[in-house]
Amino acid sequence: MSELKVKTMAECLASGEVPEILFWVGCAGSFDDRAKKITKAIARILNHCNVSFAILGGEESCTGDPAKRAGNEFLFQMMAMQNIQVLNGYEVKKIVTGCPHCFNTLKNEYPNLGGQYEVLHHTQLINQLIKEGKITIQGGGSFSGKRITFHDPCYLGRGNNVYEAPREVLQNLDAELVEMKRSRAHGLCCGAGGAQMFKEAEPGNKEVNVERTEDALETSPNVIAAGCPFCNTMLTDGVKHFEKENSIAVKDVAEIVVEAGGLGN
């Protein structure tokens, strides 16, 4: 991230700066090579729009979502309390996340433990920035004329009723937004939620991500858009399962905005 000139909260405190937003990067966005590209896309968007933001850097720890979903409430609370202590120490008021799992946990589960913050998913913030005229997508660049289908992440859609923000962003492209039969409140999980990302699947006749990729392929898309690093991984694996990786791209909404020329490049 060094080339993107992203400051940490500690650096801001030392220089007397008070960032408007804390960008919560998340485990996937920090360590997974594919998800790092999404992190950089979000950072580029924030920089382009002159949004005052910082990250925790080495002070950021996992929100505890996987531990909680796997049934270890004690470990979750330990991790959450540690994060809340850091966040409150910096007097953080507003957080944007690149991951619906982090978004859901910070927004809905931290308040009970003393962590009260305004939490936005990155597609919500990007949508706001477009409406404010800070991002202008003209023509859609390489996505012009393409068919794009959006997969609803569980913790963004059904978990928090955020359906329109990512779609409104994509509707700014000169592209055709096509819906899967199972979408919005009837969407199907990619197979990674509930800590399933980190364990072997239970016996069955089909992997969940293969089933969900079939839903996407029925729309004959050029691009499958996602808003979650876990979903991105599962759908990418699904596309590879059907040997379609050369004809169908799996992209995060933030990446699409950057690649469509929304930042003027």
C-alpha atoms as a PDB file:
ATOM      1  CA  MET A   1       0.000   0.000   0.000  1.00  0.00           C
ATOM      2  CA  SER A   2       3.036   2.283   0.251  1.00  0.00           C
ATOM      3  CA  GLU A   3       2.570   3.646  -3.289  1.00  0.00           C
ATOM      4  CA  LEU A   4      -0.983   4.690  -2.373  1.00  0.00           C
ATOM      5  CA  LYS A   5       0.126   6.947   0.502  1.00  0.00           C
ATOM      6  CA  VAL A   6      -2.172   5.420   3.102  1.00  0.00           C
ATOM      7  CA  LYS A   7      -1.593   6.596   6.649  1.00  0.00           C
ATOM      8  CA  THR A   8      -2.190   4.628   9.834  1.00  0.00           C
ATOM      9  CA  MET A   9      -4.244   5.992  12.701  1.00  0.00           C
ATOM     10  CA  ALA A  10      -1.065   6.092  14.799  1.00  0.00           C
ATOM     11  CA  GLU A  11       0.648   8.293  12.186  1.00  0.00           C
ATOM     12  CA  CYS A  12      -2.374  10.587  12.040  1.00  0.00           C
ATOM     13  CA  LEU A  13      -2.446  10.898  15.832  1.00  0.00           C
ATOM     14  CA  ALA A  14       1.246  11.774  15.885  1.00  0.00           C
ATOM     15  CA  SER A  15       0.719  14.559  13.341  1.00  0.00           C
ATOM     16  CA  GLY A  16      -2.484  15.866  14.900  1.00  0.00           C
ATOM     17  CA  GLU A  17      -4.722  14.722  12.040  1.00  0.00           C
ATOM     18  CA  VAL A  18      -8.216  13.340  12.636  1.00  0.00           C
ATOM     19  CA  PRO A  19      -9.324  11.171   9.674  1.00  0.00           C
ATOM     20  CA  GLU A  20     -13.012  11.231   8.806  1.00  0.00           C
ATOM     21  CA  ILE A  21     -13.084   7.499   8.094  1.00  0.00           C
ATOM     22  CA  LEU A  22     -11.253   4.422   9.305  1.00  0.00           C
ATOM     23  CA  PHE A  23     -10.795   1.928   6.468  1.00  0.00           C
ATOM     24  CA  TRP A  24     -11.126  -1.509   8.056  1.00  0.00           C
ATOM     25  CA  VAL A  25      -9.100  -3.684   5.686  1.00  0.00           C
ATOM     26  CA  GLY A  26      -9.961  -7.113   7.127  1.00  0.00           C
ATOM     27  CA  CYS A  27      -8.020 -10.379   7.122  1.00  0.00           C
ATOM     28  CA  ALA A  28      -8.708 -11.289   3.481  1.00  0.00           C
ATOM     29  CA  GLY A  29      -7.945  -7.785   2.282  1.00  0.00           C
ATOM     30  CA  SER A  30      -4.668  -7.810   4.198  1.00  0.00           C
ATOM     31  CA  PHE A  31      -3.309 -11.281   3.481  1.00  0.00           C
ATOM     32  CA  ASP A  32      -5.034 -12.866   0.477  1.00  0.00           C
ATOM     33  CA  ASP A  33      -3.223 -11.941  -2.747  1.00  0.00           C
ATOM     34  CA  ARG A  34      -6.456 -11.691  -4.750  1.00  0.00           C
ATOM     35  CA  ALA A  35      -8.248  -9.652  -2.092  1.00  0.00           C
ATOM     36  CA  LYS A  36      -5.304  -7.253  -1.784  1.00  0.00           C
ATOM     37  CA  LYS A  37      -6.226  -5.994  -5.263  1.00  0.00           C
ATOM     38  CA  ILE A  38      -9.695  -5.107  -3.947  1.00  0.00           C
ATOM     39  CA  THR A  39      -8.129  -3.300  -0.976  1.00  0.00           C
ATOM     40  CA  LYS A  40      -5.969  -1.232  -3.320  1.00  0.00           C
ATOM     41  CA  ALA A  41      -8.954  -0.401  -5.524  1.00  0.00           C
ATOM     42  CA  ILE A  42     -10.881   0.913  -2.508  1.00  0.00           C
ATOM     43  CA  ALA A  43      -7.862   2.936  -1.357  1.00  0.00           C
ATOM     44  CA  ARG A  44      -7.460   4.433  -4.842  1.00  0.00           C
ATOM     45  CA  ILE A  45     -11.114   5.465  -4.858  1.00  0.00           C
ATOM     46  CA  LEU A  46     -10.817   7.101  -1.419  1.00  0.00           C
ATOM     47  CA  ASN A  47      -7.644   8.949  -2.459  1.00  0.00           C
ATOM     48  CA  HIS A  48      -9.177  10.092  -5.745  1.00  0.00           C
ATOM     49  CA  CYS A  49     -12.196  11.533  -3.927  1.00  0.00           C
ATOM     50  CA  ASN A  50      -9.991  13.215  -1.294  1.00  0.00           C
ATOM     51  CA  VAL A  51     -11.695  11.275   1.467  1.00  0.00           C
ATOM     52  CA  SER A  52      -9.824  11.722   4.730  1.00  0.00           C
ATOM     53  CA  PHE A  53      -9.104   8.161   5.879  1.00  0.00           C
ATOM     54  CA  ALA A  54      -6.581   5.981   7.633  1.00  0.00           C
ATOM     55  CA  ILE A  55      -6.064   2.325   8.507  1.00  0.00           C
ATOM     56  CA  LEU A  56      -5.040   0.619  11.730  1.00  0.00           C
ATOM     57  CA  GLY A  57      -2.212  -1.274  10.050  1.00  0.00           C
ATOM     58  CA  GLY A  58      -0.549  -3.673  12.461  1.00  0.00           C
ATOM     59  CA  GLU A  59      -3.030  -2.705  15.183  1.00  0.00           C
ATOM     60  CA  GLU A  60      -5.938  -4.226  13.235  1.00  0.00           C
ATOM     61  CA  SER A  61      -6.931  -7.727  14.270  1.00  0.00           C
ATOM     62  CA  CYS A  62      -9.614 -10.090  12.946  1.00  0.00           C
ATOM     63  CA  THR A  63     -13.096  -8.938  13.961  1.00  0.00           C
ATOM     64  CA  GLY A  64     -13.755 -12.417  15.345  1.00  0.00           C
ATOM     65  CA  ASP A  65     -16.466 -13.229  12.817  1.00  0.00           C
ATOM     66  CA  PRO A  66     -15.111 -16.689  11.846  1.00  0.00           C
ATOM     67  CA  ALA A  67     -14.687 -17.650  15.509  1.00  0.00           C
ATOM     68  CA  LYS A  68     -18.244 -16.604  16.326  1.00  0.00           C
ATOM     69  CA  ARG A  69     -19.761 -18.376  13.318  1.00  0.00           C
ATOM     70  CA  ALA A  70     -17.809 -21.515  14.210  1.00  0.00           C
ATOM     71  CA  GLY A  71     -19.330 -21.406  17.695  1.00  0.00           C
ATOM     72  CA  ASN A  72     -16.468 -20.018  19.782  1.00  0.00           C
ATOM     73  CA  GLU A  73     -18.212 -17.081  21.445  1.00  0.00           C
ATOM     74  CA  PHE A  74     -15.476 -16.728  24.076  1.00  0.00           C
ATOM     75  CA  LEU A  75     -12.752 -16.245  21.459  1.00  0.00           C
ATOM     76  CA  PHE A  76     -14.984 -13.845  19.517  1.00  0.00           C
ATOM     77  CA  GLN A  77     -15.523 -11.638  22.551  1.00  0.00           C
ATOM     78  CA  MET A  78     -11.805 -11.609  23.359  1.00  0.00           C
ATOM     79  CA  MET A  79     -10.972 -10.496  19.810  1.00  0.00           C
ATOM     80  CA  ALA A  80     -13.802  -7.978  19.690  1.00  0.00           C
ATOM     81  CA  MET A  81     -12.868  -6.366  23.018  1.00  0.00           C
ATOM     82  CA  GLN A  82      -9.272  -5.978  21.880  1.00  0.00           C
ATOM     83  CA  ASN A  83     -10.404  -4.244  18.674  1.00  0.00           C
ATOM     84  CA  ILE A  84     -12.912  -2.041  20.476  1.00  0.00           C
ATOM     85  CA  GLN A  85     -10.214  -0.901  22.888  1.00  0.00           C
ATOM     86  CA  VAL A  86      -8.043   0.163  19.944  1.00  0.00           C
ATOM     87  CA  LEU A  87     -10.913   1.805  18.022  1.00  0.00           C
ATOM     88  CA  ASN A  88     -12.181   3.711  21.048  1.00  0.00           C
ATOM     89  CA  GLY A  89      -8.639   4.733  21.890  1.00  0.00           C
ATOM     90  CA  TYR A  90      -8.484   6.528  18.544  1.00  0.00           C
ATOM     91  CA  GLU A  91     -12.035   7.867  19.025  1.00  0.00           C
ATOM     92  CA  VAL A  92     -13.144   6.296  15.739  1.00  0.00           C
ATOM     93  CA  LYS A  93     -16.624   7.383  14.673  1.00  0.00           C
ATOM     94  CA  LYS A  94     -17.006   6.107  11.101  1.00  0.00           C
ATOM     95  CA  ILE A  95     -15.723   2.895   9.504  1.00  0.00           C
ATOM     96  CA  VAL A  96     -15.800   1.616   5.922  1.00  0.00           C
ATOM     97  CA  THR A  97     -15.119  -2.046   5.202  1.00  0.00           C
ATOM     98  CA  GLY A  98     -14.290  -4.054   2.095  1.00  0.00           C
ATOM     99  CA  CYS A  99     -15.865  -7.184   3.580  1.00  0.00           C
ATOM    100  CA  PRO A 100     -19.519  -7.832   4.480  1.00  0.00           C
ATOM    101  CA  HIS A 101     -18.442 -10.141   7.323  1.00  0.00           C
ATOM    102  CA  CYS A 102     -16.449  -7.331   8.947  1.00  0.00           C
ATOM    103  CA  PHE A 103     -19.271  -4.905   8.102  1.00  0.00           C
ATOM    104  CA  ASN A 104     -21.909  -7.049   9.805  1.00  0.00           C
ATOM    105  CA  THR A 105     -19.812  -7.777  12.899  1.00  0.00           C
ATOM    106  CA  LEU A 106     -18.659  -4.196  13.462  1.00  0.00           C
ATOM    107  CA  LYS A 107     -22.135  -2.786  12.773  1.00  0.00           C
ATOM    108  CA  ASN A 108     -24.357  -5.224  14.638  1.00  0.00           C
ATOM    109  CA  GLU A 109     -22.295  -7.096  17.215  1.00  0.00           C
ATOM    110  CA  TYR A 110     -19.701  -4.646  18.496  1.00  0.00           C
ATOM    111  CA  PRO A 111     -22.270  -2.196  19.968  1.00  0.00           C
ATOM    112  CA  ASN A 112     -23.227  -4.761  22.627  1.00  0.00           C
ATOM    113  CA  LEU A 113     -19.588  -4.840  23.714  1.00  0.00           C
ATOM    114  CA  GLY A 114     -19.077  -1.080  23.828  1.00  0.00           C
ATOM    115  CA  GLY A 115     -18.154  -0.369  20.207  1.00  0.00           C
ATOM    116  CA  GLN A 116     -20.569   2.202  18.746  1.00  0.00           C
ATOM    117  CA  TYR A 117     -19.637   3.234  15.193  1.00  0.00           C
ATOM    118  CA  GLU A 118     -21.219   4.278  11.926  1.00  0.00           C
ATOM    119  CA  VAL A 119     -20.275   1.413   9.609  1.00  0.00           C
ATOM    120  CA  LEU A 120     -20.492   1.446   5.802  1.00  0.00           C
ATOM    121  CA  HIS A 121     -19.813  -1.248   3.245  1.00  0.00           C
ATOM    122  CA  HIS A 122     -17.539   0.025   0.486  1.00  0.00           C
ATOM    123  CA  THR A 123     -20.290  -0.236  -2.142  1.00  0.00           C
ATOM    124  CA  GLN A 124     -22.447   2.107  -0.045  1.00  0.00           C
ATOM    125  CA  LEU A 125     -19.650   4.659   0.190  1.00  0.00           C
ATOM    126  CA  ILE A 126     -18.797   4.392  -3.521  1.00  0.00           C
ATOM    127  CA  ASN A 127     -22.473   4.905  -4.362  1.00  0.00           C
ATOM    128  CA  GLN A 128     -22.526   8.034  -2.188  1.00  0.00           C
ATOM    129  CA  LEU A 129     -19.386   9.377  -3.865  1.00  0.00           C
ATOM    130  CA  ILE A 130     -20.905   8.841  -7.317  1.00  0.00           C
ATOM    131  CA  LYS A 131     -24.104  10.655  -6.286  1.00  0.00           C
ATOM    132  CA  GLU A 132     -21.992  13.537  -4.954  1.00  0.00           C
ATOM    133  CA  GLY A 133     -20.265  13.778  -8.335  1.00  0.00           C
ATOM    134  CA  LYS A 134     -16.843  12.845  -6.957  1.00  0.00           C
ATOM    135  CA  ILE A 135     -16.667   9.795  -9.222  1.00  0.00           C
ATOM    136  CA  THR A 136     -17.804  10.030 -12.828  1.00  0.00           C
ATOM    137  CA  ILE A 137     -18.091   6.885 -14.904  1.00  0.00           C
ATOM    138  CA  GLN A 138     -18.534   7.796 -18.549  1.00  0.00           C
ATOM    139  CA  GLY A 139     -19.114   4.943 -20.973  1.00  0.00           C
ATOM    140  CA  GLY A 140     -17.910   2.184 -18.680  1.00  0.00           C
ATOM    141  CA  GLY A 141     -14.536   1.674 -20.350  1.00  0.00           C
ATOM    142  CA  SER A 142     -13.769  -1.998 -20.954  1.00  0.00           C
ATOM    143  CA  PHE A 143     -17.152  -2.913 -19.444  1.00  0.00           C
ATOM    144  CA  SER A 144     -19.126  -1.031 -22.096  1.00  0.00           C
ATOM    145  CA  GLY A 145     -21.751  -3.285 -23.656  1.00  0.00           C
ATOM    146  CA  LYS A 146     -20.898  -6.177 -21.344  1.00  0.00           C
ATOM    147  CA  ARG A 147     -23.391  -8.302 -19.408  1.00  0.00           C
ATOM    148  CA  ILE A 148     -22.795  -8.052 -15.657  1.00  0.00           C
ATOM    149  CA  THR A 149     -24.566 -10.035 -12.946  1.00  0.00           C
ATOM    150  CA  PHE A 150     -24.230  -9.133  -9.272  1.00  0.00           C
ATOM    151  CA  HIS A 151     -24.023 -11.783  -6.560  1.00  0.00           C
ATOM    152  CA  ASP A 152     -25.504 -10.669  -3.217  1.00  0.00           C
ATOM    153  CA  PRO A 153     -23.162 -11.466  -0.301  1.00  0.00           C
ATOM    154  CA  CYS A 154     -25.184 -13.003   2.555  1.00  0.00           C
ATOM    155  CA  TYR A 155     -24.077 -10.560   5.250  1.00  0.00           C
ATOM    156  CA  LEU A 156     -24.606  -7.557   2.999  1.00  0.00           C
ATOM    157  CA  GLY A 157     -27.945  -8.547   1.474  1.00  0.00           C
ATOM    158  CA  ARG A 158     -30.077 -10.762   3.652  1.00  0.00           C
ATOM    159  CA  GLY A 159     -28.058  -9.906   6.759  1.00  0.00           C
ATOM    160  CA  ASN A 160     -28.292  -6.118   6.466  1.00  0.00           C
ATOM    161  CA  ASN A 161     -30.791  -5.447   3.671  1.00  0.00           C
ATOM    162  CA  VAL A 162     -28.229  -3.709   1.454  1.00  0.00           C
ATOM    163  CA  TYR A 163     -29.277  -4.631  -2.072  1.00  0.00           C
ATOM    164  CA  GLU A 164     -29.455  -1.436  -4.088  1.00  0.00           C
ATOM    165  CA  ALA A 165     -26.135   0.318  -3.404  1.00  0.00           C
ATOM    166  CA  PRO A 166     -23.923  -2.087  -5.396  1.00  0.00           C
ATOM    167  CA  ARG A 167     -26.484  -2.288  -8.186  1.00  0.00           C
ATOM    168  CA  GLU A 168     -26.798   1.496  -8.401  1.00  0.00           C
ATOM    169  CA  VAL A 169     -23.015   1.707  -8.785  1.00  0.00           C
ATOM    170  CA  LEU A 170     -23.044  -0.833 -11.621  1.00  0.00           C
ATOM    171  CA  GLN A 171     -25.959   0.917 -13.320  1.00  0.00           C
ATOM    172  CA  ASN A 172     -23.648   3.877 -13.962  1.00  0.00           C
ATOM    173  CA  LEU A 173     -21.771   1.721 -16.463  1.00  0.00           C
ATOM    174  CA  ASP A 174     -22.721   1.506 -20.106  1.00  0.00           C
ATOM    175  CA  ALA A 175     -23.384  -2.182 -19.485  1.00  0.00           C
ATOM    176  CA  GLU A 176     -26.333  -4.519 -19.079  1.00  0.00           C
ATOM    177  CA  LEU A 177     -27.039  -5.511 -15.473  1.00  0.00           C
ATOM    178  CA  VAL A 178     -28.686  -8.946 -15.519  1.00  0.00           C
ATOM    179  CA  GLU A 179     -30.167 -10.625 -12.451  1.00  0.00           C
ATOM    180  CA  MET A 180     -29.836 -14.255 -11.448  1.00  0.00           C
ATOM    181  CA  LYS A 181     -33.080 -16.112 -10.721  1.00  0.00           C
ATOM    182  CA  ARG A 182     -32.007 -16.272  -7.081  1.00  0.00           C
ATOM    183  CA  SER A 183     -31.065 -12.717  -6.178  1.00  0.00           C
ATOM    184  CA  ARG A 184     -31.614 -10.066  -3.524  1.00  0.00           C
ATOM    185  CA  ALA A 185     -33.611 -11.588  -0.611  1.00  0.00           C
ATOM    186  CA  HIS A 186     -33.752 -14.920  -2.467  1.00  0.00           C
ATOM    187  CA  GLY A 187     -30.025 -15.021  -3.188  1.00  0.00           C
ATOM    188  CA  LEU A 188     -27.955 -18.144  -2.569  1.00  0.00           C
ATOM    189  CA  CYS A 189     -24.832 -18.243  -0.389  1.00  0.00           C
ATOM    190  CA  CYS A 190     -21.519 -18.696  -2.226  1.00  0.00           C
ATOM    191  CA  GLY A 191     -20.589 -21.384   0.279  1.00  0.00           C
ATOM    192  CA  ALA A 192     -17.964 -19.486   2.310  1.00  0.00           C
ATOM    193  CA  GLY A 193     -20.029 -17.890   5.087  1.00  0.00           C
ATOM    194  CA  GLY A 194     -20.481 -19.191   8.599  1.00  0.00           C
ATOM    195  CA  ALA A 195     -16.734 -20.012   8.795  1.00  0.00           C
ATOM    196  CA  GLN A 196     -17.189 -22.542   5.963  1.00  0.00           C
ATOM    197  CA  MET A 197     -14.329 -20.753   4.167  1.00  0.00           C
ATOM    198  CA  PHE A 198     -11.883 -22.410   6.546  1.00  0.00           C
ATOM    199  CA  LYS A 199     -13.068 -26.028   6.606  1.00  0.00           C
ATOM    200  CA  GLU A 200     -13.823 -28.909   4.314  1.00  0.00           C
ATOM    201  CA  ALA A 201     -17.369 -29.101   2.956  1.00  0.00           C
ATOM    202  CA  GLU A 202     -19.852 -31.602   4.367  1.00  0.00           C
ATOM    203  CA  PRO A 203     -20.742 -34.580   2.134  1.00  0.00           C
ATOM    204  CA  GLY A 204     -23.239 -33.775  -0.588  1.00  0.00           C
ATOM    205  CA  ASN A 205     -23.848 -34.142  -4.295  1.00  0.00           C
ATOM    206  CA  LYS A 206     -22.491 -30.693  -5.224  1.00  0.00           C
ATOM    207  CA  GLU A 207     -20.349 -27.886  -3.800  1.00  0.00           C
ATOM    208  CA  VAL A 208     -22.352 -24.766  -2.889  1.00  0.00           C
ATOM    209  CA  ASN A 209     -20.087 -22.498  -4.928  1.00  0.00           C
ATOM    210  CA  VAL A 210     -20.648 -24.679  -8.000  1.00  0.00           C
ATOM    211  CA  GLU A 211     -24.413 -24.402  -7.517  1.00  0.00           C
ATOM    212  CA  ARG A 212     -24.171 -20.633  -7.167  1.00  0.00           C
ATOM    213  CA  THR A 213     -21.875 -20.312 -10.181  1.00  0.00           C
ATOM    214  CA  GLU A 214     -24.471 -22.229 -12.205  1.00  0.00           C
ATOM    215  CA  ASP A 215     -26.994 -19.534 -11.240  1.00  0.00           C
ATOM    216  CA  ALA A 216     -24.593 -16.895 -12.559  1.00  0.00           C
ATOM    217  CA  LEU A 217     -23.778 -18.757 -15.771  1.00  0.00           C
ATOM    218  CA  GLU A 218     -27.491 -18.988 -16.615  1.00  0.00           C
ATOM    219  CA  THR A 219     -27.432 -15.218 -17.171  1.00  0.00           C
ATOM    220  CA  SER A 220     -24.668 -15.576 -19.821  1.00  0.00           C
ATOM    221  CA  PRO A 221     -22.507 -12.938 -18.148  1.00  0.00           C
ATOM    222  CA  ASN A 222     -19.217 -11.426 -19.225  1.00  0.00           C
ATOM    223  CA  VAL A 223     -18.573 -10.343 -15.637  1.00  0.00           C
ATOM    224  CA  ILE A 224     -19.727 -11.672 -12.258  1.00  0.00           C
ATOM    225  CA  ALA A 225     -19.632  -8.758  -9.826  1.00  0.00           C
ATOM    226  CA  ALA A 226     -19.123  -9.324  -6.106  1.00  0.00           C
ATOM    227  CA  GLY A 227     -18.817  -7.203  -2.999  1.00  0.00           C
ATOM    228  CA  CYS A 228     -17.036  -9.669  -0.721  1.00  0.00           C
ATOM    229  CA  PRO A 229     -13.549 -11.229  -0.831  1.00  0.00           C
ATOM    230  CA  PHE A 230     -14.938 -14.606   0.284  1.00  0.00           C
ATOM    231  CA  CYS A 231     -17.579 -14.556  -2.453  1.00  0.00           C
ATOM    232  CA  ASN A 232     -14.923 -13.518  -4.943  1.00  0.00           C
ATOM    233  CA  THR A 233     -12.822 -16.576  -4.081  1.00  0.00           C
ATOM    234  CA  MET A 234     -15.739 -19.020  -4.197  1.00  0.00           C
ATOM    235  CA  LEU A 235     -17.141 -17.674  -7.474  1.00  0.00           C
ATOM    236  CA  THR A 236     -13.696 -17.607  -9.066  1.00  0.00           C
ATOM    237  CA  ASP A 237     -13.263 -21.260  -8.108  1.00  0.00           C
ATOM    238  CA  GLY A 238     -16.720 -21.967  -9.525  1.00  0.00           C
ATOM    239  CA  VAL A 239     -15.881 -20.315 -12.833  1.00  0.00           C
ATOM    240  CA  LYS A 240     -12.664 -22.359 -12.996  1.00  0.00           C
ATOM    241  CA  HIS A 241     -14.689 -25.520 -12.270  1.00  0.00           C
ATOM    242  CA  PHE A 242     -16.625 -24.886 -15.475  1.00  0.00           C
ATOM    243  CA  GLU A 243     -13.418 -23.879 -17.312  1.00  0.00           C
ATOM    244  CA  LYS A 244     -14.842 -20.442 -18.089  1.00  0.00           C
ATOM    245  CA  GLU A 245     -12.071 -18.330 -16.555  1.00  0.00           C
ATOM    246  CA  ASN A 246     -10.922 -17.094 -19.978  1.00  0.00           C
ATOM    247  CA  SER A 247     -14.356 -15.769 -20.913  1.00  0.00           C
ATOM    248  CA  ILE A 248     -15.916 -14.721 -17.586  1.00  0.00           C
ATOM    249  CA  ALA A 249     -14.266 -12.343 -15.107  1.00  0.00           C
ATOM    250  CA  VAL A 250     -15.063 -12.203 -11.392  1.00  0.00           C
ATOM    251  CA  LYS A 251     -14.564  -8.648 -10.132  1.00  0.00           C
ATOM    252  CA  ASP A 252     -15.316  -6.649  -7.021  1.00  0.00           C
ATOM    253  CA  VAL A 253     -17.487  -3.574  -7.516  1.00  0.00           C
ATOM    254  CA  ALA A 254     -14.570  -1.352  -6.454  1.00  0.00           C
ATOM    255  CA  GLU A 255     -12.299  -2.915  -9.072  1.00  0.00           C
ATOM    256  CA  ILE A 256     -14.961  -2.396 -11.738  1.00  0.00           C
ATOM    257  CA  VAL A 257     -15.241   1.311 -10.865  1.00  0.00           C
ATOM    258  CA  VAL A 258     -11.461   1.779 -11.112  1.00  0.00           C
ATOM    259  CA  GLU A 259     -11.113  -0.239 -14.331  1.00  0.00           C
ATOM    260  CA  ALA A 260     -14.103   1.516 -15.918  1.00  0.00           C
ATOM    261  CA  GLY A 261     -12.254   4.811 -15.698  1.00  0.00           C
ATOM    262  CA  GLY A 262     -14.226   6.198 -12.794  1.00  0.00           C
ATOM    263  CA  LEU A 263     -11.025   7.776 -11.461  1.00  0.00           C
ATOM    264  CA  GLY A 264     -10.183   9.388 -14.769  1.00  0.00           C
ATOM    265  CA  ASN A 265      -7.447   6.919 -15.712  1.00  0.00           C
END
